[in-house]
Amino acid sequence: MSLNRYMHPRNPYKCKPPDFNDLATRFADFRAHCSLGSNGRVFVNFQDDGAVRSLAKALFKRDFNLEIELPHGCLVPRVPQRLNYILFVEDLLKLNHIDKDVIGIDIGECFS
């Protein structure tokens, strides 16, 4: 999972990346896609679509209290990066003094 210094300052994942141990304890579907390393850390294979899908669902539930369905065959949002994108868009709206209700469409993720 790509978390780095270029993440938005208000992105909570910037300073505290997802804790895979905690997520594996809370979410059985995610736990099924995890493996335990010899150092006791939980590892996720990001090449496995099911693992990425279950990670996204777990993060949406834990951090936003949202239960979502992610259709197979569509790209799966990487939650920290999508939140980063939303925070930067929010900054642009504030910078341009746009304080009305805004409706946006993000095309390209097969996810809404």
PDB file of N, CA and C in Angstrom:
ATOM      1  N   MET A   1       0.858  -1.167   0.000  1.00  0.00           N
ATOM      2  CA  MET A   1       0.000   0.000   0.000  1.00  0.00           C
ATOM      3  C   MET A   1       0.900   1.224   0.000  1.00  0.00           C
ATOM      4  N   SER A   2       0.669   2.078  -0.947  1.00  0.00           N
ATOM      5  CA  SER A   2       1.541   3.237  -1.122  1.00  0.00           C
ATOM      6  C   SER A   2       1.093   4.407  -0.244  1.00  0.00           C
ATOM      7  N   LEU A   3       1.767   4.567   0.862  1.00  0.00           N
ATOM      8  CA  LEU A   3       1.513   5.695   1.757  1.00  0.00           C
ATOM      9  C   LEU A   3       2.834   6.440   1.879  1.00  0.00           C
ATOM     10  N   ASN A   4       2.793   7.743   1.629  1.00  0.00           N
ATOM     11  CA  ASN A   4       4.058   8.473   1.639  1.00  0.00           C
ATOM     12  C   ASN A   4       3.870   9.921   2.058  1.00  0.00           C
ATOM     13  N   ARG A   5       4.952  10.663   2.003  1.00  0.00           N
ATOM     14  CA  ARG A   5       4.948  12.054   2.475  1.00  0.00           C
ATOM     15  C   ARG A   5       4.118  12.978   1.604  1.00  0.00           C
ATOM     16  N   TYR A   6       3.716  12.533   0.418  1.00  0.00           N
ATOM     17  CA  TYR A   6       2.914  13.376  -0.468  1.00  0.00           C
ATOM     18  C   TYR A   6       1.416  13.260  -0.189  1.00  0.00           C
ATOM     19  N   MET A   7       1.062  12.450   0.770  1.00  0.00           N
ATOM     20  CA  MET A   7      -0.355  12.329   1.101  1.00  0.00           C
ATOM     21  C   MET A   7      -0.841  13.631   1.727  1.00  0.00           C
ATOM     22  N   HIS A   8      -2.123  13.872   1.571  1.00  0.00           N
ATOM     23  CA  HIS A   8      -2.744  15.082   2.092  1.00  0.00           C
ATOM     24  C   HIS A   8      -2.548  15.156   3.610  1.00  0.00           C
ATOM     25  N   PRO A   9      -2.268  16.354   4.138  1.00  0.00           N
ATOM     26  CA  PRO A   9      -2.028  16.494   5.585  1.00  0.00           C
ATOM     27  C   PRO A   9      -3.210  16.055   6.451  1.00  0.00           C
ATOM     28  N   ARG A  10      -4.438  16.166   5.927  1.00  0.00           N
ATOM     29  CA  ARG A  10      -5.611  15.773   6.717  1.00  0.00           C
ATOM     30  C   ARG A  10      -5.984  14.306   6.526  1.00  0.00           C
ATOM     31  N   ASN A  11      -5.244  13.589   5.715  1.00  0.00           N
ATOM     32  CA  ASN A  11      -5.544  12.177   5.499  1.00  0.00           C
ATOM     33  C   ASN A  11      -5.071  11.391   6.727  1.00  0.00           C
ATOM     34  N   PRO A  12      -6.005  10.772   7.454  1.00  0.00           N
ATOM     35  CA  PRO A  12      -5.605  10.062   8.674  1.00  0.00           C
ATOM     36  C   PRO A  12      -4.658   8.892   8.410  1.00  0.00           C
ATOM     37  N   TYR A  13      -4.650   8.387   7.192  1.00  0.00           N
ATOM     38  CA  TYR A  13      -3.763   7.269   6.860  1.00  0.00           C
ATOM     39  C   TYR A  13      -2.316   7.726   6.662  1.00  0.00           C
ATOM     40  N   LYS A  14      -2.096   9.023   6.562  1.00  0.00           N
ATOM     41  CA  LYS A  14      -0.732   9.525   6.362  1.00  0.00           C
ATOM     42  C   LYS A  14       0.160   9.177   7.557  1.00  0.00           C
ATOM     43  N   CYS A  15      -0.348   9.423   8.741  1.00  0.00           N
ATOM     44  CA  CYS A  15       0.442   9.175   9.952  1.00  0.00           C
ATOM     45  C   CYS A  15       0.145   7.817  10.584  1.00  0.00           C
ATOM     46  N   LYS A  16      -0.992   7.242  10.226  1.00  0.00           N
ATOM     47  CA  LYS A  16      -1.372   5.960  10.824  1.00  0.00           C
ATOM     48  C   LYS A  16      -1.903   5.039   9.729  1.00  0.00           C
ATOM     49  N   PRO A  17      -1.008   4.295   9.082  1.00  0.00           N
ATOM     50  CA  PRO A  17      -1.440   3.370   8.034  1.00  0.00           C
ATOM     51  C   PRO A  17      -2.393   2.317   8.598  1.00  0.00           C
ATOM     52  N   PRO A  18      -3.194   1.688   7.743  1.00  0.00           N
ATOM     53  CA  PRO A  18      -4.102   0.644   8.221  1.00  0.00           C
ATOM     54  C   PRO A  18      -3.340  -0.450   8.977  1.00  0.00           C
ATOM     55  N   ASP A  19      -3.886  -0.844  10.094  1.00  0.00           N
ATOM     56  CA  ASP A  19      -3.297  -1.893  10.928  1.00  0.00           C
ATOM     57  C   ASP A  19      -3.894  -3.227  10.492  1.00  0.00           C
ATOM     58  N   PHE A  20      -3.134  -3.987   9.708  1.00  0.00           N
ATOM     59  CA  PHE A  20      -3.643  -5.249   9.171  1.00  0.00           C
ATOM     60  C   PHE A  20      -3.945  -6.256  10.275  1.00  0.00           C
ATOM     61  N   ASN A  21      -3.185  -6.225  11.376  1.00  0.00           N
ATOM     62  CA  ASN A  21      -3.472  -7.119  12.507  1.00  0.00           C
ATOM     63  C   ASN A  21      -4.867  -6.841  13.056  1.00  0.00           C
ATOM     64  N   ASP A  22      -5.170  -5.569  13.271  1.00  0.00           N
ATOM     65  CA  ASP A  22      -6.480  -5.175  13.794  1.00  0.00           C
ATOM     66  C   ASP A  22      -7.590  -5.550  12.819  1.00  0.00           C
ATOM     67  N   LEU A  23      -7.385  -5.252  11.552  1.00  0.00           N
ATOM     68  CA  LEU A  23      -8.411  -5.555  10.549  1.00  0.00           C
ATOM     69  C   LEU A  23      -8.649  -7.056  10.432  1.00  0.00           C
ATOM     70  N   ALA A  24      -7.582  -7.854  10.488  1.00  0.00           N
ATOM     71  CA  ALA A  24      -7.723  -9.308  10.397  1.00  0.00           C
ATOM     72  C   ALA A  24      -8.474  -9.862  11.606  1.00  0.00           C
ATOM     73  N   THR A  25      -8.301  -9.226  12.756  1.00  0.00           N
ATOM     74  CA  THR A  25      -9.017  -9.650  13.959  1.00  0.00           C
ATOM     75  C   THR A  25     -10.502  -9.332  13.850  1.00  0.00           C
ATOM     76  N   ARG A  26     -10.830  -8.191  13.294  1.00  0.00           N
ATOM     77  CA  ARG A  26     -12.224  -7.728  13.228  1.00  0.00           C
ATOM     78  C   ARG A  26     -13.027  -8.294  12.062  1.00  0.00           C
ATOM     79  N   PHE A  27     -12.372  -8.571  10.936  1.00  0.00           N
ATOM     80  CA  PHE A  27     -13.098  -8.916   9.711  1.00  0.00           C
ATOM     81  C   PHE A  27     -12.633 -10.264   9.165  1.00  0.00           C
ATOM     82  N   ALA A  28     -13.495 -11.280   9.309  1.00  0.00           N
ATOM     83  CA  ALA A  28     -13.151 -12.642   8.886  1.00  0.00           C
ATOM     84  C   ALA A  28     -12.844 -12.715   7.395  1.00  0.00           C
ATOM     85  N   ASP A  29     -13.579 -11.976   6.581  1.00  0.00           N
ATOM     86  CA  ASP A  29     -13.340 -12.013   5.137  1.00  0.00           C
ATOM     87  C   ASP A  29     -11.935 -11.512   4.810  1.00  0.00           C
ATOM     88  N   PHE A  30     -11.518 -10.461   5.476  1.00  0.00           N
ATOM     89  CA  PHE A  30     -10.165  -9.950   5.268  1.00  0.00           C
ATOM     90  C   PHE A  30      -9.132 -10.933   5.810  1.00  0.00           C
ATOM     91  N   ARG A  31      -9.408 -11.489   6.984  1.00  0.00           N
ATOM     92  CA  ARG A  31      -8.488 -12.440   7.613  1.00  0.00           C
ATOM     93  C   ARG A  31      -8.194 -13.624   6.686  1.00  0.00           C
ATOM     94  N   ALA A  32      -9.184 -14.046   5.918  1.00  0.00           N
ATOM     95  CA  ALA A  32      -9.008 -15.183   5.007  1.00  0.00           C
ATOM     96  C   ALA A  32      -7.959 -14.901   3.930  1.00  0.00           C
ATOM     97  N   HIS A  33      -7.664 -13.631   3.684  1.00  0.00           N
ATOM     98  CA  HIS A  33      -6.699 -13.249   2.645  1.00  0.00           C
ATOM     99  C   HIS A  33      -5.342 -12.850   3.223  1.00  0.00           C
ATOM    100  N   CYS A  34      -5.175 -13.016   4.514  1.00  0.00           N
ATOM    101  CA  CYS A  34      -3.939 -12.597   5.172  1.00  0.00           C
ATOM    102  C   CYS A  34      -3.041 -13.788   5.476  1.00  0.00           C
ATOM    103  N   SER A  35      -1.776 -13.499   5.602  1.00  0.00           N
ATOM    104  CA  SER A  35      -0.830 -14.512   6.072  1.00  0.00           C
ATOM    105  C   SER A  35       0.022 -13.876   7.167  1.00  0.00           C
ATOM    106  N   LEU A  36       0.486 -14.721   8.059  1.00  0.00           N
ATOM    107  CA  LEU A  36       1.274 -14.252   9.194  1.00  0.00           C
ATOM    108  C   LEU A  36       2.745 -14.533   8.925  1.00  0.00           C
ATOM    109  N   GLY A  37       3.552 -13.492   8.979  1.00  0.00           N
ATOM    110  CA  GLY A  37       4.985 -13.630   8.756  1.00  0.00           C
ATOM    111  C   GLY A  37       5.694 -14.154   9.991  1.00  0.00           C
ATOM    112  N   SER A  38       6.926 -14.571   9.830  1.00  0.00           N
ATOM    113  CA  SER A  38       7.715 -15.100  10.948  1.00  0.00           C
ATOM    114  C   SER A  38       7.961 -14.038  12.025  1.00  0.00           C
ATOM    115  N   ASN A  39       7.820 -12.764  11.643  1.00  0.00           N
ATOM    116  CA  ASN A  39       7.996 -11.669  12.604  1.00  0.00           C
ATOM    117  C   ASN A  39       6.700 -11.324  13.340  1.00  0.00           C
ATOM    118  N   GLY A  40       5.624 -12.076  13.058  1.00  0.00           N
ATOM    119  CA  GLY A  40       4.350 -11.849  13.729  1.00  0.00           C
ATOM    120  C   GLY A  40       3.470 -10.811  13.069  1.00  0.00           C
ATOM    121  N   ARG A  41       3.934 -10.239  11.963  1.00  0.00           N
ATOM    122  CA  ARG A  41       3.142  -9.224  11.253  1.00  0.00           C
ATOM    123  C   ARG A  41       2.236  -9.885  10.224  1.00  0.00           C
ATOM    124  N   VAL A  42       1.086  -9.284  10.023  1.00  0.00           N
ATOM    125  CA  VAL A  42       0.139  -9.761   9.017  1.00  0.00           C
ATOM    126  C   VAL A  42       0.524  -9.175   7.669  1.00  0.00           C
ATOM    127  N   PHE A  43       0.545 -10.027   6.659  1.00  0.00           N
ATOM    128  CA  PHE A  43       0.873  -9.599   5.305  1.00  0.00           C
ATOM    129  C   PHE A  43      -0.326  -9.786   4.396  1.00  0.00           C
ATOM    130  N   VAL A  44      -0.439  -8.898   3.410  1.00  0.00           N
ATOM    131  CA  VAL A  44      -1.517  -8.951   2.424  1.00  0.00           C
ATOM    132  C   VAL A  44      -0.885  -8.998   1.040  1.00  0.00           C
ATOM    133  N   ASN A  45      -1.379  -9.892   0.198  1.00  0.00           N
ATOM    134  CA  ASN A  45      -0.912  -9.972  -1.181  1.00  0.00           C
ATOM    135  C   ASN A  45      -1.745  -9.005  -2.016  1.00  0.00           C
ATOM    136  N   PHE A  46      -1.177  -7.867  -2.365  1.00  0.00           N
ATOM    137  CA  PHE A  46      -1.920  -6.847  -3.102  1.00  0.00           C
ATOM    138  C   PHE A  46      -2.133  -7.219  -4.563  1.00  0.00           C
ATOM    139  N   GLN A  47      -1.562  -8.327  -4.998  1.00  0.00           N
ATOM    140  CA  GLN A  47      -1.820  -8.824  -6.351  1.00  0.00           C
ATOM    141  C   GLN A  47      -3.102  -9.653  -6.393  1.00  0.00           C
ATOM    142  N   ASP A  48      -3.615 -10.017  -5.224  1.00  0.00           N
ATOM    143  CA  ASP A  48      -4.833 -10.821  -5.106  1.00  0.00           C
ATOM    144  C   ASP A  48      -6.046  -9.895  -5.043  1.00  0.00           C
ATOM    145  N   ASP A  49      -6.881  -9.956  -6.083  1.00  0.00           N
ATOM    146  CA  ASP A  49      -8.059  -9.086  -6.159  1.00  0.00           C
ATOM    147  C   ASP A  49      -8.978  -9.266  -4.949  1.00  0.00           C
ATOM    148  N   GLY A  50      -9.134 -10.494  -4.490  1.00  0.00           N
ATOM    149  CA  GLY A  50      -9.987 -10.746  -3.327  1.00  0.00           C
ATOM    150  C   GLY A  50      -9.451 -10.092  -2.069  1.00  0.00           C
ATOM    151  N   ALA A  51      -8.141 -10.090  -1.915  1.00  0.00           N
ATOM    152  CA  ALA A  51      -7.524  -9.458  -0.745  1.00  0.00           C
ATOM    153  C   ALA A  51      -7.735  -7.954  -0.774  1.00  0.00           C
ATOM    154  N   VAL A  52      -7.536  -7.351  -1.927  1.00  0.00           N
ATOM    155  CA  VAL A  52      -7.709  -5.900  -2.062  1.00  0.00           C
ATOM    156  C   VAL A  52      -9.174  -5.526  -1.851  1.00  0.00           C
ATOM    157  N   ARG A  53     -10.070  -6.335  -2.392  1.00  0.00           N
ATOM    158  CA  ARG A  53     -11.510  -6.099  -2.240  1.00  0.00           C
ATOM    159  C   ARG A  53     -11.909  -6.177  -0.762  1.00  0.00           C
ATOM    160  N   SER A  54     -11.462  -7.220  -0.063  1.00  0.00           N
ATOM    161  CA  SER A  54     -11.844  -7.373   1.345  1.00  0.00           C
ATOM    162  C   SER A  54     -11.192  -6.303   2.221  1.00  0.00           C
ATOM    163  N   LEU A  55      -9.986  -5.866   1.866  1.00  0.00           N
ATOM    164  CA  LEU A  55      -9.347  -4.767   2.601  1.00  0.00           C
ATOM    165  C   LEU A  55     -10.159  -3.484   2.450  1.00  0.00           C
ATOM    166  N   ALA A  56     -10.572  -3.167   1.236  1.00  0.00           N
ATOM    167  CA  ALA A  56     -11.371  -1.952   1.009  1.00  0.00           C
ATOM    168  C   ALA A  56     -12.679  -2.013   1.801  1.00  0.00           C
ATOM    169  N   LYS A  57     -13.353  -3.150   1.751  1.00  0.00           N
ATOM    170  CA  LYS A  57     -14.613  -3.286   2.487  1.00  0.00           C
ATOM    171  C   LYS A  57     -14.393  -3.118   3.988  1.00  0.00           C
ATOM    172  N   ALA A  58     -13.311  -3.693   4.505  1.00  0.00           N
ATOM    173  CA  ALA A  58     -13.014  -3.586   5.935  1.00  0.00           C
ATOM    174  C   ALA A  58     -12.709  -2.140   6.330  1.00  0.00           C
ATOM    175  N   LEU A  59     -11.933  -1.436   5.505  1.00  0.00           N
ATOM    176  CA  LEU A  59     -11.610  -0.036   5.818  1.00  0.00           C
ATOM    177  C   LEU A  59     -12.846   0.853   5.752  1.00  0.00           C
ATOM    178  N   PHE A  60     -13.700   0.646   4.741  1.00  0.00           N
ATOM    179  CA  PHE A  60     -14.929   1.441   4.656  1.00  0.00           C
ATOM    180  C   PHE A  60     -15.800   1.206   5.885  1.00  0.00           C
ATOM    181  N   LYS A  61     -15.901  -0.041   6.336  1.00  0.00           N
ATOM    182  CA  LYS A  61     -16.734  -0.344   7.497  1.00  0.00           C
ATOM    183  C   LYS A  61     -16.122   0.232   8.774  1.00  0.00           C
ATOM    184  N   ARG A  62     -14.830  -0.037   9.004  1.00  0.00           N
ATOM    185  CA  ARG A  62     -14.205   0.400  10.254  1.00  0.00           C
ATOM    186  C   ARG A  62     -14.080   1.914  10.352  1.00  0.00           C
ATOM    187  N   ASP A  63     -13.653   2.564   9.272  1.00  0.00           N
ATOM    188  CA  ASP A  63     -13.309   3.981   9.353  1.00  0.00           C
ATOM    189  C   ASP A  63     -14.442   4.930   8.978  1.00  0.00           C
ATOM    190  N   PHE A  64     -15.440   4.432   8.240  1.00  0.00           N
ATOM    191  CA  PHE A  64     -16.528   5.309   7.791  1.00  0.00           C
ATOM    192  C   PHE A  64     -17.905   4.731   8.109  1.00  0.00           C
ATOM    193  N   ASN A  65     -17.950   3.582   8.759  1.00  0.00           N
ATOM    194  CA  ASN A  65     -19.193   2.880   9.078  1.00  0.00           C
ATOM    195  C   ASN A  65     -20.075   2.689   7.838  1.00  0.00           C
ATOM    196  N   LEU A  66     -19.441   2.338   6.726  1.00  0.00           N
ATOM    197  CA  LEU A  66     -20.151   2.084   5.471  1.00  0.00           C
ATOM    198  C   LEU A  66     -19.997   0.623   5.084  1.00  0.00           C
ATOM    199  N   GLU A  67     -21.119  -0.021   4.813  1.00  0.00           N
ATOM    200  CA  GLU A  67     -21.075  -1.384   4.280  1.00  0.00           C
ATOM    201  C   GLU A  67     -21.277  -1.275   2.783  1.00  0.00           C
ATOM    202  N   ILE A  68     -20.293  -1.732   2.033  1.00  0.00           N
ATOM    203  CA  ILE A  68     -20.326  -1.555   0.586  1.00  0.00           C
ATOM    204  C   ILE A  68     -20.231  -2.897  -0.125  1.00  0.00           C
ATOM    205  N   GLU A  69     -20.675  -2.906  -1.362  1.00  0.00           N
ATOM    206  CA  GLU A  69     -20.495  -4.044  -2.255  1.00  0.00           C
ATOM    207  C   GLU A  69     -19.576  -3.593  -3.373  1.00  0.00           C
ATOM    208  N   LEU A  70     -18.617  -4.413  -3.698  1.00  0.00           N
ATOM    209  CA  LEU A  70     -17.676  -4.113  -4.771  1.00  0.00           C
ATOM    210  C   LEU A  70     -17.835  -5.182  -5.841  1.00  0.00           C
ATOM    211  N   PRO A  71     -18.485  -4.844  -6.955  1.00  0.00           N
ATOM    212  CA  PRO A  71     -18.738  -5.843  -8.000  1.00  0.00           C
ATOM    213  C   PRO A  71     -17.441  -6.429  -8.549  1.00  0.00           C
ATOM    214  N   HIS A  72     -17.451  -7.741  -8.747  1.00  0.00           N
ATOM    215  CA  HIS A  72     -16.290  -8.383  -9.372  1.00  0.00           C
ATOM    216  C   HIS A  72     -16.168  -7.884 -10.804  1.00  0.00           C
ATOM    217  N   GLY A  73     -14.961  -7.747 -11.266  1.00  0.00           N
ATOM    218  CA  GLY A  73     -14.727  -7.264 -12.620  1.00  0.00           C
ATOM    219  C   GLY A  73     -14.494  -5.764 -12.690  1.00  0.00           C
ATOM    220  N   CYS A  74     -14.722  -5.069 -11.591  1.00  0.00           N
ATOM    221  CA  CYS A  74     -14.468  -3.624 -11.543  1.00  0.00           C
ATOM    222  C   CYS A  74     -13.231  -3.366 -10.688  1.00  0.00           C
ATOM    223  N   LEU A  75     -12.600  -2.250 -10.950  1.00  0.00           N
ATOM    224  CA  LEU A  75     -11.453  -1.872 -10.137  1.00  0.00           C
ATOM    225  C   LEU A  75     -11.890  -1.607  -8.702  1.00  0.00           C
ATOM    226  N   VAL A  76     -11.015  -1.873  -7.778  1.00  0.00           N
ATOM    227  CA  VAL A  76     -11.314  -1.684  -6.362  1.00  0.00           C
ATOM    228  C   VAL A  76     -10.597  -0.427  -5.880  1.00  0.00           C
ATOM    229  N   PRO A  77     -11.324   0.484  -5.227  1.00  0.00           N
ATOM    230  CA  PRO A  77     -10.677   1.715  -4.762  1.00  0.00           C
ATOM    231  C   PRO A  77      -9.686   1.427  -3.642  1.00  0.00           C
ATOM    232  N   ARG A  78      -8.540   2.041  -3.725  1.00  0.00           N
ATOM    233  CA  ARG A  78      -7.579   1.989  -2.626  1.00  0.00           C
ATOM    234  C   ARG A  78      -7.986   3.129  -1.704  1.00  0.00           C
ATOM    235  N   VAL A  79      -8.565   2.786  -0.575  1.00  0.00           N
ATOM    236  CA  VAL A  79      -9.232   3.760   0.294  1.00  0.00           C
ATOM    237  C   VAL A  79      -8.329   4.936   0.680  1.00  0.00           C
ATOM    238  N   PRO A  80      -7.102   4.720   1.156  1.00  0.00           N
ATOM    239  CA  PRO A  80      -6.274   5.881   1.521  1.00  0.00           C
ATOM    240  C   PRO A  80      -6.022   6.821   0.342  1.00  0.00           C
ATOM    241  N   GLN A  81      -5.808   6.255  -0.845  1.00  0.00           N
ATOM    242  CA  GLN A  81      -5.533   7.089  -2.012  1.00  0.00           C
ATOM    243  C   GLN A  81      -6.790   7.809  -2.501  1.00  0.00           C
ATOM    244  N   ARG A  82      -7.942   7.161  -2.439  1.00  0.00           N
ATOM    245  CA  ARG A  82      -9.195   7.807  -2.854  1.00  0.00           C
ATOM    246  C   ARG A  82      -9.528   8.941  -1.889  1.00  0.00           C
ATOM    247  N   LEU A  83      -9.313   8.719  -0.592  1.00  0.00           N
ATOM    248  CA  LEU A  83      -9.551   9.776   0.390  1.00  0.00           C
ATOM    249  C   LEU A  83      -8.613  10.944   0.127  1.00  0.00           C
ATOM    250  N   ASN A  84      -7.381  10.650  -0.226  1.00  0.00           N
ATOM    251  CA  ASN A  84      -6.413  11.688  -0.563  1.00  0.00           C
ATOM    252  C   ASN A  84      -6.948  12.562  -1.695  1.00  0.00           C
ATOM    253  N   TYR A  85      -7.437  11.921  -2.723  1.00  0.00           N
ATOM    254  CA  TYR A  85      -8.008  12.604  -3.890  1.00  0.00           C
ATOM    255  C   TYR A  85      -9.166  13.518  -3.467  1.00  0.00           C
ATOM    256  N   ILE A  86     -10.064  12.999  -2.646  1.00  0.00           N
ATOM    257  CA  ILE A  86     -11.225  13.777  -2.197  1.00  0.00           C
ATOM    258  C   ILE A  86     -10.779  14.990  -1.375  1.00  0.00           C
ATOM    259  N   LEU A  87      -9.797  14.812  -0.520  1.00  0.00           N
ATOM    260  CA  LEU A  87      -9.306  15.929   0.297  1.00  0.00           C
ATOM    261  C   LEU A  87      -8.671  17.023  -0.556  1.00  0.00           C
ATOM    262  N   PHE A  88      -7.946  16.636  -1.604  1.00  0.00           N
ATOM    263  CA  PHE A  88      -7.359  17.642  -2.497  1.00  0.00           C
ATOM    264  C   PHE A  88      -8.443  18.373  -3.290  1.00  0.00           C
ATOM    265  N   VAL A  89      -9.477  17.661  -3.726  1.00  0.00           N
ATOM    266  CA  VAL A  89     -10.597  18.314  -4.419  1.00  0.00           C
ATOM    267  C   VAL A  89     -11.287  19.288  -3.469  1.00  0.00           C
ATOM    268  N   GLU A  90     -11.486  18.874  -2.223  1.00  0.00           N
ATOM    269  CA  GLU A  90     -12.091  19.759  -1.225  1.00  0.00           C
ATOM    270  C   GLU A  90     -11.256  21.031  -1.048  1.00  0.00           C
ATOM    271  N   ASP A  91      -9.945  20.892  -1.010  1.00  0.00           N
ATOM    272  CA  ASP A  91      -9.066  22.065  -0.902  1.00  0.00           C
ATOM    273  C   ASP A  91      -9.234  23.006  -2.088  1.00  0.00           C
ATOM    274  N   LEU A  92      -9.339  22.442  -3.291  1.00  0.00           N
ATOM    275  CA  LEU A  92      -9.530  23.269  -4.488  1.00  0.00           C
ATOM    276  C   LEU A  92     -10.848  24.031  -4.430  1.00  0.00           C
ATOM    277  N   LEU A  93     -11.897  23.375  -3.939  1.00  0.00           N
ATOM    278  CA  LEU A  93     -13.189  24.050  -3.807  1.00  0.00           C
ATOM    279  C   LEU A  93     -13.092  25.210  -2.813  1.00  0.00           C
ATOM    280  N   LYS A  94     -12.448  24.979  -1.683  1.00  0.00           N
ATOM    281  CA  LYS A  94     -12.283  26.041  -0.679  1.00  0.00           C
ATOM    282  C   LYS A  94     -11.414  27.175  -1.214  1.00  0.00           C
ATOM    283  N   LEU A  95     -10.358  26.830  -1.920  1.00  0.00           N
ATOM    284  CA  LEU A  95      -9.454  27.824  -2.487  1.00  0.00           C
ATOM    285  C   LEU A  95     -10.186  28.745  -3.459  1.00  0.00           C
ATOM    286  N   ASN A  96     -11.166  28.195  -4.157  1.00  0.00           N
ATOM    287  CA  ASN A  96     -11.947  28.967  -5.123  1.00  0.00           C
ATOM    288  C   ASN A  96     -13.248  29.491  -4.524  1.00  0.00           C
ATOM    289  N   HIS A  97     -13.364  29.427  -3.198  1.00  0.00           N
ATOM    290  CA  HIS A  97     -14.517  29.967  -2.460  1.00  0.00           C
ATOM    291  C   HIS A  97     -15.833  29.366  -2.942  1.00  0.00           C
ATOM    292  N   ILE A  98     -15.808  28.091  -3.234  1.00  0.00           N
ATOM    293  CA  ILE A  98     -17.031  27.383  -3.620  1.00  0.00           C
ATOM    294  C   ILE A  98     -17.551  26.703  -2.366  1.00  0.00           C
ATOM    295  N   ASP A  99     -18.619  27.275  -1.800  1.00  0.00           N
ATOM    296  CA  ASP A  99     -19.142  26.728  -0.558  1.00  0.00           C
ATOM    297  C   ASP A  99     -20.563  26.200  -0.702  1.00  0.00           C
ATOM    298  N   LYS A 100     -21.058  26.135  -1.934  1.00  0.00           N
ATOM    299  CA  LYS A 100     -22.380  25.571  -2.183  1.00  0.00           C
ATOM    300  C   LYS A 100     -22.268  24.053  -2.183  1.00  0.00           C
ATOM    301  N   ASP A 101     -23.439  23.409  -2.200  1.00  0.00           N
ATOM    302  CA  ASP A 101     -23.422  21.958  -2.356  1.00  0.00           C
ATOM    303  C   ASP A 101     -22.816  21.629  -3.710  1.00  0.00           C
ATOM    304  N   VAL A 102     -21.901  20.696  -3.717  1.00  0.00           N
ATOM    305  CA  VAL A 102     -21.201  20.315  -4.938  1.00  0.00           C
ATOM    306  C   VAL A 102     -21.483  18.853  -5.222  1.00  0.00           C
ATOM    307  N   ILE A 103     -21.761  18.561  -6.466  1.00  0.00           N
ATOM    308  CA  ILE A 103     -21.941  17.182  -6.908  1.00  0.00           C
ATOM    309  C   ILE A 103     -20.790  16.864  -7.846  1.00  0.00           C
ATOM    310  N   GLY A 104     -20.114  15.771  -7.594  1.00  0.00           N
ATOM    311  CA  GLY A 104     -18.980  15.387  -8.428  1.00  0.00           C
ATOM    312  C   GLY A 104     -19.152  13.986  -8.967  1.00  0.00           C
ATOM    313  N   ILE A 105     -18.530  13.746 -10.087  1.00  0.00           N
ATOM    314  CA  ILE A 105     -18.531  12.416 -10.690  1.00  0.00           C
ATOM    315  C   ILE A 105     -17.084  12.015 -10.916  1.00  0.00           C
ATOM    316  N   ASP A 106     -16.718  10.870 -10.393  1.00  0.00           N
ATOM    317  CA  ASP A 106     -15.378  10.327 -10.599  1.00  0.00           C
ATOM    318  C   ASP A 106     -15.516   9.173 -11.583  1.00  0.00           C
ATOM    319  N   ILE A 107     -15.075   9.372 -12.784  1.00  0.00           N
ATOM    320  CA  ILE A 107     -15.220   8.357 -13.825  1.00  0.00           C
ATOM    321  C   ILE A 107     -13.936   7.552 -13.918  1.00  0.00           C
ATOM    322  N   GLY A 108     -14.079   6.241 -13.958  1.00  0.00           N
ATOM    323  CA  GLY A 108     -12.915   5.412 -14.190  1.00  0.00           C
ATOM    324  C   GLY A 108     -12.685   4.323 -13.164  1.00  0.00           C
ATOM    325  N   GLU A 109     -13.424   4.303 -12.086  1.00  0.00           N
ATOM    326  CA  GLU A 109     -13.214   3.284 -11.058  1.00  0.00           C
ATOM    327  C   GLU A 109     -14.285   2.198 -11.062  1.00  0.00           C
ATOM    328  N   CYS A 110     -15.333   2.346 -11.833  1.00  0.00           N
ATOM    329  CA  CYS A 110     -16.462   1.395 -11.783  1.00  0.00           C
ATOM    330  C   CYS A 110     -17.054   1.349 -10.381  1.00  0.00           C
ATOM    331  N   PHE A 111     -16.987   2.455  -9.680  1.00  0.00           N
ATOM    332  CA  PHE A 111     -17.406   2.492  -8.284  1.00  0.00           C
ATOM    333  C   PHE A 111     -18.071   3.827  -8.026  1.00  0.00           C
ATOM    334  N   SER A 112     -19.211   3.799  -7.387  1.00  0.00           N
ATOM    335  CA  SER A 112     -19.872   5.060  -7.061  1.00  0.00           C
ATOM    336  C   SER A 112     -20.520   4.980  -5.701  1.00  0.00           C
TER     337      SER A 112
END
